[in-house]
């Protein structure tokens, strides 16, 4: 998991931006086909470990993960709806 080290060290240095990383990770994993490319499950596990060690607070991580997943699902739905309507014409 050496490819996660830069992201985790960045989150460790800038905990405020780590919450944005949680949001973007959840968004990218939930968006259309991006879940195959982005190792979202591993990143969320790493953020959970940062919560367990006290580097991040639990509630902001949960709220950002939920908001990112909802935004990613909505984006995937919107892209699918838009591409379907353009192919139907």
PDB file of N, CA and C in Angstrom:
ATOM      1  N   UNK A   1       0.815  -1.183   0.000  1.00  0.00           N
ATOM      2  CA  UNK A   1       0.000   0.000   0.000  1.00  0.00           C
ATOM      3  C   UNK A   1       0.865   1.255   0.000  1.00  0.00           C
ATOM      4  N   UNK A   2       1.991   1.170  -0.646  1.00  0.00           N
ATOM      5  CA  UNK A   2       2.892   2.316  -0.704  1.00  0.00           C
ATOM      6  C   UNK A   2       2.304   3.485  -1.487  1.00  0.00           C
ATOM      7  N   UNK A   3       1.303   3.244  -2.333  1.00  0.00           N
ATOM      8  CA  UNK A   3       0.703   4.322  -3.104  1.00  0.00           C
ATOM      9  C   UNK A   3      -0.192   5.212  -2.240  1.00  0.00           C
ATOM     10  N   UNK A   4      -0.535   4.774  -1.036  1.00  0.00           N
ATOM     11  CA  UNK A   4      -1.353   5.581  -0.136  1.00  0.00           C
ATOM     12  C   UNK A   4      -0.529   6.505   0.758  1.00  0.00           C
ATOM     13  N   UNK A   5       0.756   6.247   0.859  1.00  0.00           N
ATOM     14  CA  UNK A   5       1.597   7.007   1.777  1.00  0.00           C
ATOM     15  C   UNK A   5       1.575   8.508   1.537  1.00  0.00           C
ATOM     16  N   UNK A   6       1.662   8.994   0.289  1.00  0.00           N
ATOM     17  CA  UNK A   6       1.614  10.459   0.104  1.00  0.00           C
ATOM     18  C   UNK A   6       0.295  11.070   0.581  1.00  0.00           C
ATOM     19  N   UNK A   7      -0.810  10.393   0.311  1.00  0.00           N
ATOM     20  CA  UNK A   7      -2.105  10.923   0.744  1.00  0.00           C
ATOM     21  C   UNK A   7      -2.230  10.939   2.254  1.00  0.00           C
ATOM     22  N   UNK A   8      -1.784   9.872   2.890  1.00  0.00           N
ATOM     23  CA  UNK A   8      -1.903   9.794   4.339  1.00  0.00           C
ATOM     24  C   UNK A   8      -0.946  10.745   5.047  1.00  0.00           C
ATOM     25  N   UNK A   9       0.239  10.924   4.507  1.00  0.00           N
ATOM     26  CA  UNK A   9       1.159  11.877   5.131  1.00  0.00           C
ATOM     27  C   UNK A   9       0.646  13.308   4.962  1.00  0.00           C
ATOM     28  N   UNK A  10       0.032  13.594   3.817  1.00  0.00           N
ATOM     29  CA  UNK A  10      -0.589  14.904   3.607  1.00  0.00           C
ATOM     30  C   UNK A  10      -1.716  15.123   4.611  1.00  0.00           C
ATOM     31  N   UNK A  11      -2.554  14.113   4.791  1.00  0.00           N
ATOM     32  CA  UNK A  11      -3.668  14.218   5.744  1.00  0.00           C
ATOM     33  C   UNK A  11      -3.147  14.365   7.164  1.00  0.00           C
ATOM     34  N   UNK A  12      -2.026  13.756   7.450  1.00  0.00           N
ATOM     35  CA  UNK A  12      -1.434  13.861   8.777  1.00  0.00           C
ATOM     36  C   UNK A  12      -0.889  15.268   9.030  1.00  0.00           C
ATOM     37  N   UNK A  13      -0.306  15.881   7.992  1.00  0.00           N
ATOM     38  CA  UNK A  13       0.258  17.224   8.129  1.00  0.00           C
ATOM     39  C   UNK A  13      -0.826  18.298   8.158  1.00  0.00           C
ATOM     40  N   UNK A  14      -1.899  18.093   7.414  1.00  0.00           N
ATOM     41  CA  UNK A  14      -2.972  19.074   7.294  1.00  0.00           C
ATOM     42  C   UNK A  14      -4.310  18.419   7.641  1.00  0.00           C
ATOM     43  N   UNK A  15      -4.595  18.241   8.921  1.00  0.00           N
ATOM     44  CA  UNK A  15      -5.822  17.536   9.300  1.00  0.00           C
ATOM     45  C   UNK A  15      -7.101  18.225   8.824  1.00  0.00           C
ATOM     46  N   UNK A  16      -7.081  19.540   8.692  1.00  0.00           N
ATOM     47  CA  UNK A  16      -8.263  20.243   8.199  1.00  0.00           C
ATOM     48  C   UNK A  16      -8.603  19.859   6.776  1.00  0.00           C
ATOM     49  N   UNK A  17      -7.584  19.679   5.965  1.00  0.00           N
ATOM     50  CA  UNK A  17      -7.809  19.270   4.580  1.00  0.00           C
ATOM     51  C   UNK A  17      -8.114  17.775   4.469  1.00  0.00           C
ATOM     52  N   UNK A  18      -7.828  17.028   5.513  1.00  0.00           N
ATOM     53  CA  UNK A  18      -8.120  15.592   5.487  1.00  0.00           C
ATOM     54  C   UNK A  18      -9.617  15.356   5.373  1.00  0.00           C
ATOM     55  N   UNK A  19     -10.418  16.226   5.955  1.00  0.00           N
ATOM     56  CA  UNK A  19     -11.864  16.071   5.853  1.00  0.00           C
ATOM     57  C   UNK A  19     -12.334  16.262   4.407  1.00  0.00           C
ATOM     58  N   UNK A  20     -11.690  17.179   3.702  1.00  0.00           N
ATOM     59  CA  UNK A  20     -12.005  17.357   2.279  1.00  0.00           C
ATOM     60  C   UNK A  20     -11.576  16.121   1.500  1.00  0.00           C
ATOM     61  N   UNK A  21     -10.458  15.522   1.891  1.00  0.00           N
ATOM     62  CA  UNK A  21     -10.013  14.290   1.235  1.00  0.00           C
ATOM     63  C   UNK A  21     -11.004  13.156   1.477  1.00  0.00           C
ATOM     64  N   UNK A  22     -11.586  13.104   2.669  1.00  0.00           N
ATOM     65  CA  UNK A  22     -12.618  12.097   2.951  1.00  0.00           C
ATOM     66  C   UNK A  22     -13.794  12.291   2.001  1.00  0.00           C
ATOM     67  N   UNK A  23     -14.245  13.540   1.859  1.00  0.00           N
ATOM     68  CA  UNK A  23     -15.356  13.853   0.959  1.00  0.00           C
ATOM     69  C   UNK A  23     -15.031  13.449  -0.474  1.00  0.00           C
ATOM     70  N   UNK A  24     -13.855  13.857  -0.954  1.00  0.00           N
ATOM     71  CA  UNK A  24     -13.486  13.559  -2.346  1.00  0.00           C
ATOM     72  C   UNK A  24     -13.292  12.074  -2.587  1.00  0.00           C
ATOM     73  N   UNK A  25     -12.772  11.353  -1.589  1.00  0.00           N
ATOM     74  CA  UNK A  25     -12.600   9.910  -1.729  1.00  0.00           C
ATOM     75  C   UNK A  25     -13.952   9.226  -1.835  1.00  0.00           C
ATOM     76  N   UNK A  26     -14.888   9.594  -0.977  1.00  0.00           N
ATOM     77  CA  UNK A  26     -16.222   9.003  -1.027  1.00  0.00           C
ATOM     78  C   UNK A  26     -16.929   9.371  -2.321  1.00  0.00           C
ATOM     79  N   UNK A  27     -16.761  10.610  -2.775  1.00  0.00           N
ATOM     80  CA  UNK A  27     -17.371  11.039  -4.030  1.00  0.00           C
ATOM     81  C   UNK A  27     -16.816  10.247  -5.203  1.00  0.00           C
ATOM     82  N   UNK A  28     -15.504  10.119  -5.266  1.00  0.00           N
ATOM     83  CA  UNK A  28     -14.884   9.418  -6.391  1.00  0.00           C
ATOM     84  C   UNK A  28     -15.240   7.936  -6.394  1.00  0.00           C
ATOM     85  N   UNK A  29     -15.343   7.347  -5.226  1.00  0.00           N
ATOM     86  CA  UNK A  29     -15.682   5.925  -5.176  1.00  0.00           C
ATOM     87  C   UNK A  29     -17.132   5.680  -5.565  1.00  0.00           C
ATOM     88  N   UNK A  30     -18.003   6.630  -5.272  1.00  0.00           N
ATOM     89  CA  UNK A  30     -19.426   6.450  -5.551  1.00  0.00           C
ATOM     90  C   UNK A  30     -19.810   6.878  -6.963  1.00  0.00           C
ATOM     91  N   UNK A  31     -18.997   7.676  -7.602  1.00  0.00           N
ATOM     92  CA  UNK A  31     -19.330   8.160  -8.941  1.00  0.00           C
ATOM     93  C   UNK A  31     -19.245   7.010  -9.944  1.00  0.00           C
ATOM     94  N   UNK A  32     -19.775   7.248 -11.092  1.00  0.00           N
ATOM     95  CA  UNK A  32     -19.890   6.246 -12.137  1.00  0.00           C
ATOM     96  C   UNK A  32     -18.530   5.670 -12.531  1.00  0.00           C
ATOM     97  N   UNK A  33     -18.316   4.407 -12.305  1.00  0.00           N
ATOM     98  CA  UNK A  33     -17.127   3.628 -12.657  1.00  0.00           C
ATOM     99  C   UNK A  33     -15.831   4.102 -12.006  1.00  0.00           C
ATOM    100  N   UNK A  34     -15.863   5.172 -11.245  1.00  0.00           N
ATOM    101  CA  UNK A  34     -14.636   5.642 -10.605  1.00  0.00           C
ATOM    102  C   UNK A  34     -14.252   4.748  -9.440  1.00  0.00           C
ATOM    103  N   UNK A  35     -15.201   4.012  -8.905  1.00  0.00           N
ATOM    104  CA  UNK A  35     -14.910   3.097  -7.807  1.00  0.00           C
ATOM    105  C   UNK A  35     -13.957   1.989  -8.199  1.00  0.00           C
ATOM    106  N   UNK A  36     -13.861   1.710  -9.476  1.00  0.00           N
ATOM    107  CA  UNK A  36     -12.907   0.703  -9.942  1.00  0.00           C
ATOM    108  C   UNK A  36     -11.481   1.238  -9.955  1.00  0.00           C
ATOM    109  N   UNK A  37     -11.341   2.544 -10.083  1.00  0.00           N
ATOM    110  CA  UNK A  37     -10.022   3.159 -10.205  1.00  0.00           C
ATOM    111  C   UNK A  37      -9.507   3.647  -8.864  1.00  0.00           C
ATOM    112  N   UNK A  38     -10.379   4.263  -8.092  1.00  0.00           N
ATOM    113  CA  UNK A  38      -9.991   4.870  -6.816  1.00  0.00           C
ATOM    114  C   UNK A  38     -10.092   3.825  -5.709  1.00  0.00           C
ATOM    115  N   UNK A  39      -9.026   3.637  -4.933  1.00  0.00           N
ATOM    116  CA  UNK A  39      -9.086   2.667  -3.822  1.00  0.00           C
ATOM    117  C   UNK A  39      -9.812   3.253  -2.615  1.00  0.00           C
ATOM    118  N   UNK A  40     -11.090   3.526  -2.793  1.00  0.00           N
ATOM    119  CA  UNK A  40     -11.847   4.228  -1.766  1.00  0.00           C
ATOM    120  C   UNK A  40     -11.976   3.461  -0.474  1.00  0.00           C
ATOM    121  N   UNK A  41     -12.205   2.171  -0.552  1.00  0.00           N
ATOM    122  CA  UNK A  41     -12.351   1.370   0.658  1.00  0.00           C
ATOM    123  C   UNK A  41     -11.100   1.387   1.509  1.00  0.00           C
ATOM    124  N   UNK A  42      -9.968   1.313   0.880  1.00  0.00           N
ATOM    125  CA  UNK A  42      -8.698   1.337   1.605  1.00  0.00           C
ATOM    126  C   UNK A  42      -8.466   2.713   2.216  1.00  0.00           C
ATOM    127  N   UNK A  43      -8.795   3.759   1.460  1.00  0.00           N
ATOM    128  CA  UNK A  43      -8.618   5.123   1.979  1.00  0.00           C
ATOM    129  C   UNK A  43      -9.555   5.379   3.157  1.00  0.00           C
ATOM    130  N   UNK A  44     -10.792   4.913   3.067  1.00  0.00           N
ATOM    131  CA  UNK A  44     -11.733   5.107   4.172  1.00  0.00           C
ATOM    132  C   UNK A  44     -11.251   4.354   5.406  1.00  0.00           C
ATOM    133  N   UNK A  45     -10.703   3.171   5.207  1.00  0.00           N
ATOM    134  CA  UNK A  45     -10.121   2.413   6.325  1.00  0.00           C
ATOM    135  C   UNK A  45      -8.963   3.191   6.949  1.00  0.00           C
ATOM    136  N   UNK A  46      -8.149   3.816   6.116  1.00  0.00           N
ATOM    137  CA  UNK A  46      -7.021   4.605   6.629  1.00  0.00           C
ATOM    138  C   UNK A  46      -7.522   5.821   7.409  1.00  0.00           C
ATOM    139  N   UNK A  47      -8.580   6.468   6.906  1.00  0.00           N
ATOM    140  CA  UNK A  47      -9.145   7.599   7.642  1.00  0.00           C
ATOM    141  C   UNK A  47      -9.751   7.128   8.960  1.00  0.00           C
ATOM    142  N   UNK A  48     -10.348   5.941   8.970  1.00  0.00           N
ATOM    143  CA  UNK A  48     -10.894   5.394  10.213  1.00  0.00           C
ATOM    144  C   UNK A  48      -9.776   5.131  11.216  1.00  0.00           C
ATOM    145  N   UNK A  49      -8.631   4.690  10.738  1.00  0.00           N
ATOM    146  CA  UNK A  49      -7.491   4.492  11.631  1.00  0.00           C
ATOM    147  C   UNK A  49      -7.009   5.824  12.192  1.00  0.00           C
ATOM    148  N   UNK A  50      -7.084   6.880  11.380  1.00  0.00           N
ATOM    149  CA  UNK A  50      -6.701   8.208  11.872  1.00  0.00           C
ATOM    150  C   UNK A  50      -7.686   8.706  12.921  1.00  0.00           C
ATOM    151  N   UNK A  51      -8.956   8.317  12.786  1.00  0.00           N
ATOM    152  CA  UNK A  51      -9.945   8.662  13.817  1.00  0.00           C
ATOM    153  C   UNK A  51      -9.626   7.909  15.098  1.00  0.00           C
ATOM    154  N   UNK A  52      -9.286   6.638  14.959  1.00  0.00           N
ATOM    155  CA  UNK A  52      -8.991   5.811  16.140  1.00  0.00           C
ATOM    156  C   UNK A  52      -7.769   6.315  16.899  1.00  0.00           C
ATOM    157  N   UNK A  53      -6.808   6.892  16.189  1.00  0.00           N
ATOM    158  CA  UNK A  53      -5.609   7.403  16.856  1.00  0.00           C
ATOM    159  C   UNK A  53      -5.780   8.837  17.347  1.00  0.00           C
ATOM    160  N   UNK A  54      -6.926   9.445  17.061  1.00  0.00           N
ATOM    161  CA  UNK A  54      -7.186  10.794  17.540  1.00  0.00           C
ATOM    162  C   UNK A  54      -6.709  11.902  16.618  1.00  0.00           C
ATOM    163  N   UNK A  55      -6.220  11.566  15.428  1.00  0.00           N
ATOM    164  CA  UNK A  55      -5.753  12.590  14.490  1.00  0.00           C
ATOM    165  C   UNK A  55      -6.922  13.316  13.826  1.00  0.00           C
ATOM    166  N   UNK A  56      -8.044  12.614  13.679  1.00  0.00           N
ATOM    167  CA  UNK A  56      -9.251  13.201  13.100  1.00  0.00           C
ATOM    168  C   UNK A  56     -10.422  12.951  14.041  1.00  0.00           C
ATOM    169  N   UNK A  57     -11.412  13.825  13.977  1.00  0.00           N
ATOM    170  CA  UNK A  57     -12.612  13.660  14.795  1.00  0.00           C
ATOM    171  C   UNK A  57     -13.622  12.778  14.064  1.00  0.00           C
ATOM    172  N   UNK A  58     -14.376  12.002  14.815  1.00  0.00           N
ATOM    173  CA  UNK A  58     -15.297  11.030  14.223  1.00  0.00           C
ATOM    174  C   UNK A  58     -16.432  11.675  13.441  1.00  0.00           C
ATOM    175  N   UNK A  59     -17.158  12.609  14.055  1.00  0.00           N
ATOM    176  CA  UNK A  59     -18.354  13.145  13.408  1.00  0.00           C
ATOM    177  C   UNK A  59     -18.073  13.894  12.117  1.00  0.00           C
ATOM    178  N   UNK A  60     -17.054  14.733  12.025  1.00  0.00           N
ATOM    179  CA  UNK A  60     -16.773  15.357  10.729  1.00  0.00           C
ATOM    180  C   UNK A  60     -16.402  14.341   9.649  1.00  0.00           C
ATOM    181  N   UNK A  61     -15.671  13.273  10.025  1.00  0.00           N
ATOM    182  CA  UNK A  61     -15.323  12.235   9.049  1.00  0.00           C
ATOM    183  C   UNK A  61     -16.583  11.546   8.555  1.00  0.00           C
ATOM    184  N   UNK A  62     -17.483  11.192   9.471  1.00  0.00           N
ATOM    185  CA  UNK A  62     -18.728  10.542   9.068  1.00  0.00           C
ATOM    186  C   UNK A  62     -19.570  11.445   8.178  1.00  0.00           C
ATOM    187  N   UNK A  63     -19.705  12.702   8.572  1.00  0.00           N
ATOM    188  CA  UNK A  63     -20.520  13.623   7.776  1.00  0.00           C
ATOM    189  C   UNK A  63     -19.934  13.855   6.387  1.00  0.00           C
ATOM    190  N   UNK A  64     -18.619  14.003   6.311  1.00  0.00           N
ATOM    191  CA  UNK A  64     -17.987  14.213   4.999  1.00  0.00           C
ATOM    192  C   UNK A  64     -18.076  12.964   4.126  1.00  0.00           C
ATOM    193  N   UNK A  65     -17.939  11.793   4.726  1.00  0.00           N
ATOM    194  CA  UNK A  65     -18.051  10.545   3.957  1.00  0.00           C
ATOM    195  C   UNK A  65     -19.474  10.360   3.441  1.00  0.00           C
ATOM    196  N   UNK A  66     -20.460  10.644   4.283  1.00  0.00           N
ATOM    197  CA  UNK A  66     -21.859  10.513   3.845  1.00  0.00           C
ATOM    198  C   UNK A  66     -22.171  11.523   2.750  1.00  0.00           C
ATOM    199  N   UNK A  67     -21.743  12.764   2.941  1.00  0.00           N
ATOM    200  CA  UNK A  67     -21.999  13.801   1.933  1.00  0.00           C
ATOM    201  C   UNK A  67     -21.300  13.472   0.614  1.00  0.00           C
ATOM    202  N   UNK A  68     -20.072  12.978   0.681  1.00  0.00           N
ATOM    203  CA  UNK A  68     -19.358  12.611  -0.539  1.00  0.00           C
ATOM    204  C   UNK A  68     -20.005  11.449  -1.258  1.00  0.00           C
ATOM    205  N   UNK A  69     -20.468  10.449  -0.510  1.00  0.00           N
ATOM    206  CA  UNK A  69     -21.133   9.304  -1.134  1.00  0.00           C
ATOM    207  C   UNK A  69     -22.451   9.727  -1.777  1.00  0.00           C
ATOM    208  N   UNK A  70     -23.191  10.597  -1.102  1.00  0.00           N
ATOM    209  CA  UNK A  70     -24.457  11.073  -1.684  1.00  0.00           C
ATOM    210  C   UNK A  70     -24.201  11.906  -2.941  1.00  0.00           C
ATOM    211  N   UNK A  71     -23.186  12.753  -2.899  1.00  0.00           N
ATOM    212  CA  UNK A  71     -22.860  13.571  -4.070  1.00  0.00           C
ATOM    213  C   UNK A  71     -22.377  12.695  -5.223  1.00  0.00           C
ATOM    214  N   UNK A  72     -21.570  11.672  -4.917  1.00  0.00           N
ATOM    215  CA  UNK A  72     -21.094  10.767  -5.964  1.00  0.00           C
ATOM    216  C   UNK A  72     -22.212   9.963  -6.576  1.00  0.00           C
ATOM    217  N   UNK A  73     -23.136   9.470  -5.749  1.00  0.00           N
ATOM    218  CA  UNK A  73     -24.291   8.740  -6.276  1.00  0.00           C
ATOM    219  C   UNK A  73     -25.151   9.638  -7.149  1.00  0.00           C
ATOM    220  N   UNK A  74     -25.367  10.862  -6.700  1.00  0.00           N
ATOM    221  CA  UNK A  74     -26.168  11.807  -7.480  1.00  0.00           C
ATOM    222  C   UNK A  74     -25.488  12.142  -8.801  1.00  0.00           C
ATOM    223  N   UNK A  75     -24.178  12.315  -8.760  1.00  0.00           N
ATOM    224  CA  UNK A  75     -23.434  12.604  -9.987  1.00  0.00           C
ATOM    225  C   UNK A  75     -23.518  11.429 -10.958  1.00  0.00           C
ATOM    226  N   UNK A  76     -23.341  10.211 -10.455  1.00  0.00           N
ATOM    227  CA  UNK A  76     -23.449   9.032 -11.316  1.00  0.00           C
ATOM    228  C   UNK A  76     -24.841   8.886 -11.910  1.00  0.00           C
ATOM    229  N   UNK A  77     -25.871   9.144 -11.103  1.00  0.00           N
ATOM    230  CA  UNK A  77     -27.242   9.082 -11.605  1.00  0.00           C
ATOM    231  C   UNK A  77     -27.458  10.134 -12.676  1.00  0.00           C
ATOM    232  N   UNK A  78     -26.999  11.368 -12.402  1.00  0.00           N
ATOM    233  CA  UNK A  78     -27.198  12.454 -13.357  1.00  0.00           C
ATOM    234  C   UNK A  78     -26.484  12.158 -14.678  1.00  0.00           C
ATOM    235  N   UNK A  79     -25.248  11.654 -14.593  1.00  0.00           N
ATOM    236  CA  UNK A  79     -24.512  11.331 -15.825  1.00  0.00           C
ATOM    237  C   UNK A  79     -25.213  10.223 -16.599  1.00  0.00           C
ATOM    238  N   UNK A  80     -25.697   9.207 -15.894  1.00  0.00           N
ATOM    239  CA  UNK A  80     -26.423   8.132 -16.567  1.00  0.00           C
ATOM    240  C   UNK A  80     -27.719   8.608 -17.176  1.00  0.00           C
ATOM    241  N   UNK A  81     -28.449   9.437 -16.464  1.00  0.00           N
ATOM    242  CA  UNK A  81     -29.704   9.978 -16.983  1.00  0.00           C
ATOM    243  C   UNK A  81     -29.445  10.847 -18.207  1.00  0.00           C
ATOM    244  N   UNK A  82     -28.406  11.655 -18.127  1.00  0.00           N
ATOM    245  CA  UNK A  82     -28.090  12.549 -19.243  1.00  0.00           C
ATOM    246  C   UNK A  82     -27.636  11.762 -20.473  1.00  0.00           C
ATOM    247  N   UNK A  83     -26.815  10.740 -20.275  1.00  0.00           N
ATOM    248  CA  UNK A  83     -26.339   9.969 -21.421  1.00  0.00           C
ATOM    249  C   UNK A  83     -27.470   9.121 -22.001  1.00  0.00           C
ATOM    250  N   UNK A  84     -28.369   8.631 -21.159  1.00  0.00           N
ATOM    251  CA  UNK A  84     -29.498   7.842 -21.644  1.00  0.00           C
ATOM    252  C   UNK A  84     -30.434   8.709 -22.458  1.00  0.00           C
ATOM    253  N   UNK A  85     -30.712   9.919 -21.987  1.00  0.00           N
ATOM    254  CA  UNK A  85     -31.633  10.787 -22.712  1.00  0.00           C
ATOM    255  C   UNK A  85     -31.026  11.246 -24.034  1.00  0.00           C
ATOM    256  N   UNK A  86     -29.709  11.391 -24.095  1.00  0.00           N
ATOM    257  CA  UNK A  86     -29.091  11.805 -25.365  1.00  0.00           C
ATOM    258  C   UNK A  86     -29.047  10.640 -26.350  1.00  0.00           C
ATOM    259  N   UNK A  87     -28.961   9.389 -25.857  1.00  0.00           N
ATOM    260  CA  UNK A  87     -28.964   8.235 -26.750  1.00  0.00           C
ATOM    261  C   UNK A  87     -30.370   7.879 -27.208  1.00  0.00           C
ATOM    262  N   UNK A  88     -31.375   8.238 -26.439  1.00  0.00           N
ATOM    263  CA  UNK A  88     -32.749   7.903 -26.784  1.00  0.00           C
ATOM    264  C   UNK A  88     -33.280   8.776 -27.925  1.00  0.00           C
ATOM    265  N   UNK A  89     -32.674   9.916 -28.129  1.00  0.00           N
ATOM    266  CA  UNK A  89     -33.178  10.818 -29.175  1.00  0.00           C
ATOM    267  C   UNK A  89     -32.681  10.428 -30.485  1.00  0.00           C
TER     268      UNK A  89
END
